[in-house]
């Protein structure tokens, strides 16, 4: 699903409203930034589930 926005503020507000955690927020914010740099428009491409970030500790186990 592609979601387009008029400006960055509208996009950031949408992201903040619909993500479940800080990791998802960062992933979508980076995608938004990347899309604007390379396409010149504010949009997100979302699959069935939103992406997430996992931080691995020294033993390779999620924190």
N, C-alpha and C. Protein backbone atom coordinates (compact mmCIF):
# COMPACT_ATOMS: atom_id res chain seq x y z
N UNK A 1 0.85 -1.16 0.00
CA UNK A 1 0.00 0.00 0.00
C UNK A 1 0.91 1.24 0.00
N UNK A 2 0.58 2.19 -0.82
CA UNK A 2 1.33 3.45 -0.89
C UNK A 2 0.50 4.55 -0.26
N UNK A 3 1.12 5.26 0.68
CA UNK A 3 0.47 6.38 1.35
C UNK A 3 1.26 7.63 1.02
N UNK A 4 0.60 8.62 0.44
CA UNK A 4 1.28 9.87 0.07
C UNK A 4 0.86 10.99 1.02
N UNK A 5 1.74 11.96 1.17
CA UNK A 5 1.53 13.08 2.08
C UNK A 5 1.82 14.38 1.38
N UNK A 6 1.19 15.46 1.83
CA UNK A 6 1.40 16.78 1.25
C UNK A 6 2.77 17.35 1.64
N UNK A 7 3.18 17.05 2.89
CA UNK A 7 4.45 17.59 3.38
C UNK A 7 5.01 16.68 4.47
N UNK A 8 6.22 17.01 4.93
CA UNK A 8 6.91 16.18 5.92
C UNK A 8 6.16 16.16 7.26
N UNK A 9 5.63 17.28 7.69
CA UNK A 9 4.91 17.34 8.96
C UNK A 9 3.70 16.41 8.97
N UNK A 10 2.94 16.43 7.90
CA UNK A 10 1.78 15.54 7.79
C UNK A 10 2.23 14.08 7.87
N UNK A 11 3.33 13.76 7.21
CA UNK A 11 3.84 12.39 7.21
C UNK A 11 4.31 11.96 8.60
N UNK A 12 5.06 12.81 9.27
CA UNK A 12 5.56 12.48 10.61
C UNK A 12 4.40 12.33 11.59
N UNK A 13 3.39 13.17 11.49
CA UNK A 13 2.20 13.04 12.34
C UNK A 13 1.52 11.70 12.10
N UNK A 14 1.39 11.29 10.84
CA UNK A 14 0.76 10.00 10.52
C UNK A 14 1.58 8.85 11.11
N UNK A 15 2.89 8.90 10.90
CA UNK A 15 3.76 7.84 11.41
C UNK A 15 3.62 7.73 12.93
N UNK A 16 3.69 8.86 13.63
CA UNK A 16 3.59 8.85 15.09
C UNK A 16 2.26 8.28 15.58
N UNK A 17 1.22 8.52 14.82
CA UNK A 17 -0.12 8.06 15.21
C UNK A 17 -0.29 6.54 15.04
N UNK A 18 0.38 5.94 14.05
CA UNK A 18 0.08 4.55 13.70
C UNK A 18 1.15 3.51 14.04
N UNK A 19 2.33 3.92 14.45
CA UNK A 19 3.34 2.93 14.79
C UNK A 19 3.14 2.40 16.21
N UNK A 20 3.70 1.21 16.46
CA UNK A 20 3.55 0.59 17.76
C UNK A 20 4.74 0.83 18.67
N UNK A 21 5.90 1.18 18.08
CA UNK A 21 7.09 1.36 18.92
C UNK A 21 8.09 2.29 18.21
N UNK A 22 9.14 2.63 18.93
CA UNK A 22 10.14 3.57 18.41
C UNK A 22 10.88 3.01 17.20
N UNK A 23 11.11 1.70 17.19
CA UNK A 23 11.80 1.06 16.06
C UNK A 23 11.03 1.24 14.76
N UNK A 24 9.72 1.03 14.80
CA UNK A 24 8.89 1.21 13.61
C UNK A 24 8.90 2.67 13.18
N UNK A 25 8.87 3.58 14.15
CA UNK A 25 8.91 5.01 13.83
C UNK A 25 10.17 5.34 13.05
N UNK A 26 11.32 4.86 13.53
CA UNK A 26 12.59 5.14 12.86
C UNK A 26 12.65 4.55 11.46
N UNK A 27 12.16 3.33 11.29
CA UNK A 27 12.17 2.68 9.97
C UNK A 27 11.34 3.48 8.99
N UNK A 28 10.14 3.87 9.39
CA UNK A 28 9.27 4.62 8.48
C UNK A 28 9.78 6.04 8.22
N UNK A 29 10.36 6.66 9.23
CA UNK A 29 10.93 8.00 9.04
C UNK A 29 12.08 7.95 8.04
N UNK A 30 12.91 6.93 8.14
CA UNK A 30 14.02 6.79 7.20
C UNK A 30 13.51 6.51 5.78
N UNK A 31 12.48 5.69 5.67
CA UNK A 31 11.89 5.41 4.34
C UNK A 31 11.32 6.69 3.74
N UNK A 32 10.65 7.48 4.56
CA UNK A 32 10.10 8.76 4.11
C UNK A 32 11.20 9.67 3.59
N UNK A 33 12.28 9.78 4.34
CA UNK A 33 13.42 10.62 3.97
C UNK A 33 14.04 10.12 2.66
N UNK A 34 14.26 8.82 2.55
CA UNK A 34 14.83 8.22 1.35
C UNK A 34 13.95 8.50 0.13
N UNK A 35 12.64 8.28 0.28
CA UNK A 35 11.71 8.50 -0.83
C UNK A 35 11.72 9.96 -1.30
N UNK A 36 11.82 10.89 -0.35
CA UNK A 36 11.84 12.29 -0.72
C UNK A 36 13.13 12.64 -1.48
N UNK A 37 14.25 12.13 -1.01
CA UNK A 37 15.53 12.40 -1.68
C UNK A 37 15.53 11.87 -3.11
N UNK A 38 15.09 10.64 -3.31
CA UNK A 38 15.20 10.00 -4.61
C UNK A 38 13.99 10.16 -5.52
N UNK A 39 12.82 10.46 -4.96
CA UNK A 39 11.62 10.59 -5.78
C UNK A 39 11.04 12.01 -5.76
N UNK A 40 11.46 12.83 -4.78
CA UNK A 40 10.96 14.19 -4.70
C UNK A 40 9.55 14.31 -4.16
N UNK A 41 9.06 13.25 -3.48
CA UNK A 41 7.72 13.28 -2.92
C UNK A 41 7.72 12.56 -1.58
N UNK A 42 6.81 12.98 -0.70
CA UNK A 42 6.68 12.33 0.60
C UNK A 42 5.67 11.19 0.49
N UNK A 43 6.17 9.97 0.60
CA UNK A 43 5.28 8.81 0.59
C UNK A 43 5.94 7.64 1.30
N UNK A 44 5.10 6.67 1.68
CA UNK A 44 5.57 5.44 2.30
C UNK A 44 4.99 4.27 1.53
N UNK A 45 5.77 3.23 1.40
CA UNK A 45 5.30 1.97 0.83
C UNK A 45 5.21 0.97 1.96
N UNK A 46 4.01 0.55 2.28
CA UNK A 46 3.80 -0.36 3.41
C UNK A 46 3.32 -1.71 2.91
N UNK A 47 3.88 -2.75 3.50
CA UNK A 47 3.43 -4.11 3.21
C UNK A 47 2.32 -4.48 4.18
N UNK A 48 2.12 -5.76 4.33
CA UNK A 48 1.10 -6.26 5.26
C UNK A 48 1.40 -5.84 6.70
N UNK A 49 2.69 -5.94 7.09
CA UNK A 49 3.10 -5.57 8.44
C UNK A 49 4.15 -4.48 8.36
N UNK A 50 4.17 -3.60 9.36
CA UNK A 50 5.18 -2.57 9.40
C UNK A 50 6.50 -3.20 9.84
N UNK A 51 7.61 -2.65 9.32
CA UNK A 51 8.92 -3.16 9.69
C UNK A 51 9.28 -2.81 11.13
N UNK A 52 10.28 -3.50 11.64
CA UNK A 52 10.74 -3.19 12.98
C UNK A 52 12.25 -3.37 13.06
N UNK A 53 12.83 -2.82 14.09
CA UNK A 53 14.28 -2.90 14.31
C UNK A 53 14.53 -3.73 15.55
N UNK A 54 15.48 -4.65 15.46
CA UNK A 54 15.86 -5.46 16.61
C UNK A 54 17.33 -5.21 16.88
N UNK A 55 17.67 -4.91 18.12
CA UNK A 55 19.05 -4.70 18.51
C UNK A 55 19.58 -5.99 19.10
N UNK A 56 20.68 -6.50 18.54
CA UNK A 56 21.26 -7.74 19.04
C UNK A 56 22.37 -7.44 20.05
N UNK A 57 22.36 -8.17 21.15
CA UNK A 57 23.41 -8.03 22.15
C UNK A 57 24.66 -8.76 21.70
N UNK A 58 25.64 -8.85 22.55
CA UNK A 58 26.91 -9.49 22.21
C UNK A 58 26.76 -10.96 21.88
N UNK A 59 25.85 -11.65 22.55
CA UNK A 59 25.66 -13.09 22.33
C UNK A 59 24.73 -13.35 21.16
N UNK A 60 24.30 -12.30 20.45
CA UNK A 60 23.40 -12.47 19.32
C UNK A 60 21.94 -12.64 19.72
N UNK A 61 21.64 -12.36 20.98
CA UNK A 61 20.27 -12.49 21.45
C UNK A 61 19.62 -11.11 21.47
N UNK A 62 18.34 -11.03 21.06
CA UNK A 62 17.66 -9.72 21.11
C UNK A 62 17.63 -9.16 22.52
N UNK A 63 17.80 -7.86 22.62
CA UNK A 63 17.73 -7.18 23.92
C UNK A 63 16.31 -6.93 24.31
